[in-house]
Each structure stands twice: as structure tokens, then as C-alpha cells.
N, C-alpha and C. Protein backbone atom coordinates (compact mmCIF):
# COMPACT_ATOMS: atom_id res chain seq x y z
N MET A 1 151.56 30.36 103.60
CA MET A 1 152.79 31.12 104.07
C MET A 1 153.07 30.92 105.59
N GLY A 2 154.26 30.18 105.99
CA GLY A 2 154.53 29.75 107.13
C GLY A 2 155.34 30.78 107.96
N VAL A 3 155.69 30.52 109.28
CA VAL A 3 156.35 31.62 109.92
C VAL A 3 157.84 31.28 110.12
N ALA A 4 158.64 32.02 110.77
CA ALA A 4 160.04 31.74 110.94
C ALA A 4 160.22 31.12 112.17
N HIS A 5 159.68 31.34 113.35
CA HIS A 5 160.05 30.84 114.73
C HIS A 5 159.07 29.94 115.21
N LYS A 6 159.65 28.78 115.84
CA LYS A 6 158.92 27.74 116.47
C LYS A 6 158.06 28.45 117.46
N LEU A 7 156.64 28.11 117.82
CA LEU A 7 155.73 28.69 118.66
C LEU A 7 155.25 30.10 118.12
N GLN A 8 155.58 30.56 117.14
CA GLN A 8 155.13 32.04 116.84
C GLN A 8 153.71 32.00 116.48
N LEU A 9 153.50 30.95 115.72
CA LEU A 9 152.01 30.93 115.27
C LEU A 9 151.52 29.40 115.50
N VAL A 10 150.61 29.16 116.45
CA VAL A 10 150.08 27.89 116.97
C VAL A 10 148.53 27.93 116.54
N LEU A 11 148.12 27.00 115.82
CA LEU A 11 146.76 26.69 115.62
C LEU A 11 146.01 25.86 116.48
N THR A 12 144.74 25.99 116.90
CA THR A 12 144.29 25.33 117.96
C THR A 12 142.84 25.23 117.50
N ASP A 13 142.23 24.11 118.03
CA ASP A 13 140.78 23.83 117.90
C ASP A 13 140.26 23.01 118.99
N ILE A 14 139.07 23.07 119.27
CA ILE A 14 138.36 22.28 120.30
C ILE A 14 137.32 21.65 119.59
N CYS A 15 137.09 20.27 119.74
CA CYS A 15 136.23 19.34 119.22
C CYS A 15 135.37 18.67 120.28
N GLY A 16 133.98 18.89 120.17
CA GLY A 16 133.11 18.07 121.23
C GLY A 16 131.83 19.06 121.27
N PRO A 17 131.15 18.33 122.06
CA PRO A 17 131.17 17.10 122.74
C PRO A 17 130.83 15.98 121.91
N LEU A 18 131.43 14.93 122.21
CA LEU A 18 131.45 13.65 121.45
C LEU A 18 130.18 12.99 121.92
N GLN A 19 129.48 12.18 121.14
CA GLN A 19 128.26 11.42 121.46
C GLN A 19 128.98 10.39 122.36
N THR A 20 129.73 9.61 122.07
CA THR A 20 130.33 8.45 122.73
C THR A 20 131.72 8.95 123.51
N PRO A 21 131.71 8.86 124.96
CA PRO A 21 133.03 9.20 125.54
C PRO A 21 134.16 8.32 125.29
N SER A 22 135.17 8.72 125.53
CA SER A 22 136.52 7.94 125.13
C SER A 22 136.68 7.09 126.67
N PHE A 23 137.85 6.43 126.49
CA PHE A 23 138.26 5.55 127.83
C PHE A 23 138.61 7.01 128.84
N GLY A 24 138.15 6.96 130.00
CA GLY A 24 138.40 7.93 130.95
C GLY A 24 137.30 9.00 130.94
N ASN A 25 136.10 8.64 130.13
CA ASN A 25 135.09 9.64 129.98
C ASN A 25 135.45 11.06 129.45
N TYR A 26 136.41 11.11 128.61
CA TYR A 26 136.53 12.24 127.71
C TYR A 26 135.74 12.58 126.81
N VAL A 27 135.06 13.64 126.56
CA VAL A 27 134.02 13.95 125.53
C VAL A 27 134.51 15.15 124.65
N TYR A 28 135.62 15.78 125.11
CA TYR A 28 136.08 16.92 124.08
C TYR A 28 137.73 16.65 123.73
N PHE A 29 138.20 17.26 122.83
CA PHE A 29 139.75 17.23 122.74
C PHE A 29 139.95 18.48 122.08
N MET A 30 141.28 18.81 122.44
CA MET A 30 141.90 20.15 122.04
C MET A 30 143.21 19.86 121.20
N THR A 31 143.30 20.37 119.98
CA THR A 31 144.43 20.29 119.29
C THR A 31 145.28 21.49 119.21
N PHE A 32 146.70 21.35 119.21
CA PHE A 32 147.48 22.40 118.90
C PHE A 32 148.45 22.05 117.84
N ILE A 33 148.56 22.85 116.83
CA ILE A 33 149.70 22.70 115.73
C ILE A 33 150.53 23.89 115.50
N ASP A 34 151.99 23.60 115.60
CA ASP A 34 152.85 24.68 115.57
C ASP A 34 153.07 24.98 114.10
N ASP A 35 152.82 26.09 113.43
CA ASP A 35 152.86 26.33 112.06
C ASP A 35 154.45 26.06 111.77
N SER A 36 155.33 26.54 112.32
CA SER A 36 156.87 26.42 111.84
C SER A 36 157.38 24.99 111.81
N SER A 37 157.21 24.31 113.02
CA SER A 37 157.91 23.06 112.97
C SER A 37 156.75 21.76 112.60
N LYS A 38 155.58 22.12 112.46
CA LYS A 38 154.51 21.28 112.07
C LYS A 38 154.27 20.27 113.12
N HIS A 39 154.85 20.39 114.40
CA HIS A 39 154.46 19.42 115.44
C HIS A 39 152.88 19.61 115.73
N ALA A 40 152.35 18.45 116.31
CA ALA A 40 150.96 18.67 116.63
C ALA A 40 150.60 18.02 118.15
N TRP A 41 149.82 18.47 118.79
CA TRP A 41 149.63 17.93 120.17
C TRP A 41 148.12 17.68 120.29
N ILE A 42 147.56 16.78 120.82
CA ILE A 42 146.25 16.50 121.14
C ILE A 42 146.02 16.23 122.71
N TYR A 43 145.08 17.17 123.22
CA TYR A 43 144.79 16.78 124.73
C TYR A 43 143.38 16.48 124.85
N PRO A 44 143.09 15.55 125.60
CA PRO A 44 141.74 15.15 125.72
C PRO A 44 141.03 15.90 127.18
N LEU A 45 139.96 16.16 126.86
CA LEU A 45 139.40 17.05 127.91
C LEU A 45 137.90 16.58 128.40
N LYS A 46 137.44 16.57 129.61
CA LYS A 46 136.27 16.07 130.07
C LYS A 46 135.33 17.16 130.18
N VAL A 47 135.74 18.47 130.15
CA VAL A 47 134.78 19.49 130.28
C VAL A 47 135.39 20.66 129.48
N LYS A 48 134.86 21.48 128.88
CA LYS A 48 135.16 22.67 128.18
C LYS A 48 136.05 23.59 129.01
N PHE A 49 135.51 23.76 130.06
CA PHE A 49 136.56 24.84 131.00
C PHE A 49 137.86 24.61 131.24
N GLU A 50 138.21 23.22 131.08
CA GLU A 50 139.75 22.81 131.15
C GLU A 50 140.64 23.32 130.15
N VAL A 51 140.16 24.23 129.20
CA VAL A 51 140.96 24.71 128.18
C VAL A 51 142.23 25.43 128.78
N LEU A 52 141.93 26.34 129.60
CA LEU A 52 143.11 26.95 130.24
C LEU A 52 144.06 26.31 130.83
N ILE A 53 143.83 25.28 131.70
CA ILE A 53 144.58 24.27 132.17
C ILE A 53 145.68 23.71 130.82
N CYS A 54 144.63 23.32 129.97
CA CYS A 54 145.21 22.58 128.66
C CYS A 54 146.34 23.63 127.90
N PHE A 55 146.00 24.70 127.82
CA PHE A 55 146.75 25.55 127.12
C PHE A 55 148.03 25.84 127.95
N THR A 56 148.03 25.82 129.14
CA THR A 56 149.30 26.03 130.08
C THR A 56 150.25 24.89 130.04
N SER A 57 149.45 23.66 130.14
CA SER A 57 150.17 22.34 129.92
C SER A 57 150.91 22.36 128.60
N PHE A 58 150.21 22.57 127.51
CA PHE A 58 150.69 22.69 125.95
C PHE A 58 151.97 23.66 126.08
N LEU A 59 151.98 24.90 126.63
CA LEU A 59 152.85 25.72 126.60
C LEU A 59 154.30 25.10 127.21
N VAL A 60 154.18 24.54 128.18
CA VAL A 60 155.41 23.87 128.91
C VAL A 60 155.73 22.71 128.08
N MET A 61 154.91 21.93 127.86
CA MET A 61 155.53 20.84 126.78
C MET A 61 156.00 20.99 125.53
N ALA A 62 155.33 22.06 124.83
CA ALA A 62 155.96 22.52 123.54
C ALA A 62 157.21 23.28 123.73
N LYS A 63 157.50 23.95 124.61
CA LYS A 63 158.61 24.65 125.07
C LYS A 63 159.85 23.53 125.18
N ILE A 64 159.63 22.70 126.00
CA ILE A 64 160.41 21.61 126.23
C ILE A 64 160.84 20.75 124.86
N CYS A 65 159.76 20.44 124.31
CA CYS A 65 159.79 19.45 122.99
C CYS A 65 160.76 20.27 122.02
N LEU A 66 160.32 21.59 121.72
CA LEU A 66 160.87 22.42 120.72
C LEU A 66 162.09 23.18 121.05
N HIS A 67 162.56 23.09 122.25
CA HIS A 67 163.77 23.70 122.84
C HIS A 67 163.86 25.23 122.51
N VAL A 68 162.46 25.93 123.09
CA VAL A 68 162.26 27.14 123.03
C VAL A 68 162.42 27.87 124.25
N LYS A 69 163.22 28.99 124.53
CA LYS A 69 163.34 29.33 125.95
C LYS A 69 162.30 30.48 126.27
N TRP A 70 161.79 31.12 125.33
CA TRP A 70 160.69 32.21 125.55
C TRP A 70 159.92 32.16 124.38
N VAL A 71 158.81 32.59 124.56
CA VAL A 71 157.72 32.69 123.45
C VAL A 71 157.39 33.92 123.04
N PRO A 72 157.78 34.69 122.25
CA PRO A 72 157.56 36.05 122.08
C PRO A 72 156.12 36.50 121.72
N SER A 73 155.14 35.52 120.83
CA SER A 73 153.81 35.89 120.79
C SER A 73 153.27 34.74 120.12
N ILE A 74 152.14 34.28 120.51
CA ILE A 74 151.22 33.27 119.88
C ILE A 74 149.86 33.62 119.63
N LEU A 75 149.52 33.17 118.48
CA LEU A 75 148.18 33.59 117.91
C LEU A 75 147.37 32.32 118.15
N ILE A 76 146.39 32.27 118.94
CA ILE A 76 145.45 31.14 119.01
C ILE A 76 144.20 31.33 118.33
N LYS A 77 143.87 30.41 117.36
CA LYS A 77 142.91 30.47 116.37
C LYS A 77 142.08 29.29 116.42
N GLY A 78 140.82 29.60 116.81
CA GLY A 78 139.98 28.21 116.87
C GLY A 78 138.54 28.84 116.68
N GLY A 79 137.71 28.09 115.91
CA GLY A 79 136.23 28.32 115.78
C GLY A 79 136.31 29.92 115.32
N ASN A 80 135.43 30.65 116.19
CA ASN A 80 135.18 31.98 115.68
C ASN A 80 136.14 32.88 116.60
N THR A 81 136.91 32.29 117.29
CA THR A 81 138.06 33.19 118.18
C THR A 81 139.40 33.24 117.68
N CYS A 82 140.04 34.48 117.98
CA CYS A 82 141.37 34.66 117.66
C CYS A 82 141.70 35.51 118.67
N ILE A 83 142.93 34.97 119.41
CA ILE A 83 143.34 35.60 120.61
C ILE A 83 145.02 35.85 120.59
N TRP A 84 145.51 36.86 120.81
CA TRP A 84 146.85 37.12 120.88
C TRP A 84 147.57 37.04 122.27
N PHE A 85 148.18 36.27 122.55
CA PHE A 85 148.97 36.06 123.70
C PHE A 85 150.36 36.63 123.70
N LEU A 86 150.81 37.35 124.82
CA LEU A 86 152.19 37.71 124.77
C LEU A 86 152.72 36.88 125.86
N MET A 87 153.72 36.38 125.76
CA MET A 87 154.18 35.60 126.87
C MET A 87 155.83 35.86 127.00
N HIS A 88 156.40 36.00 128.11
CA HIS A 88 157.54 36.06 128.43
C HIS A 88 157.99 35.31 129.52
N PHE A 89 158.98 34.26 129.22
CA PHE A 89 159.25 33.25 130.22
C PHE A 89 160.86 33.53 130.40
């Protein structure tokens, strides 16, 4: 069952560490999929603690690409973690 609004439900996952680094020495990557629009984004990461920076970059990019003025709520789901974010922009 899908959701009605863009960026209302965003599924995410972190993969890594990869055995062989990519060009630029990235050993992790993070995916974001908007359930409503089915848009997907992939961000390479060198270290796991770049996740918050990656998430912030994703929000800015997704809001521009999907023409969303504000994000009422976002569910981030990855691995064993489920976090609700309330954002007002």
C-alpha cells in the first residue's frame, strides 16, 4: 500500500563495507526511495558516520526534484532501525 504525498514515506538502507572500494575510495552506499513517486537516490559514503550529512543532502535534493515545499513527516527505515523525523521547512 502506497502513500498519498511525496516524501511522506522514504525507505532507506546502508550497504557496506564493500570488500573492494569504488573509485574515490567509497566503501559504503546509502539508498533512498520515495514510496509515492518511486524516485530513488544513491549516495556513496567513505565512512558510516557520513549518514547524517547524506540524509540532509538527500532532503534538499529530494525537495527540489519533487517540488515539495515542506516535509510533514518522514519514516526512515533501514536494517533494524525505524526513526520518525518531523520536518518543517
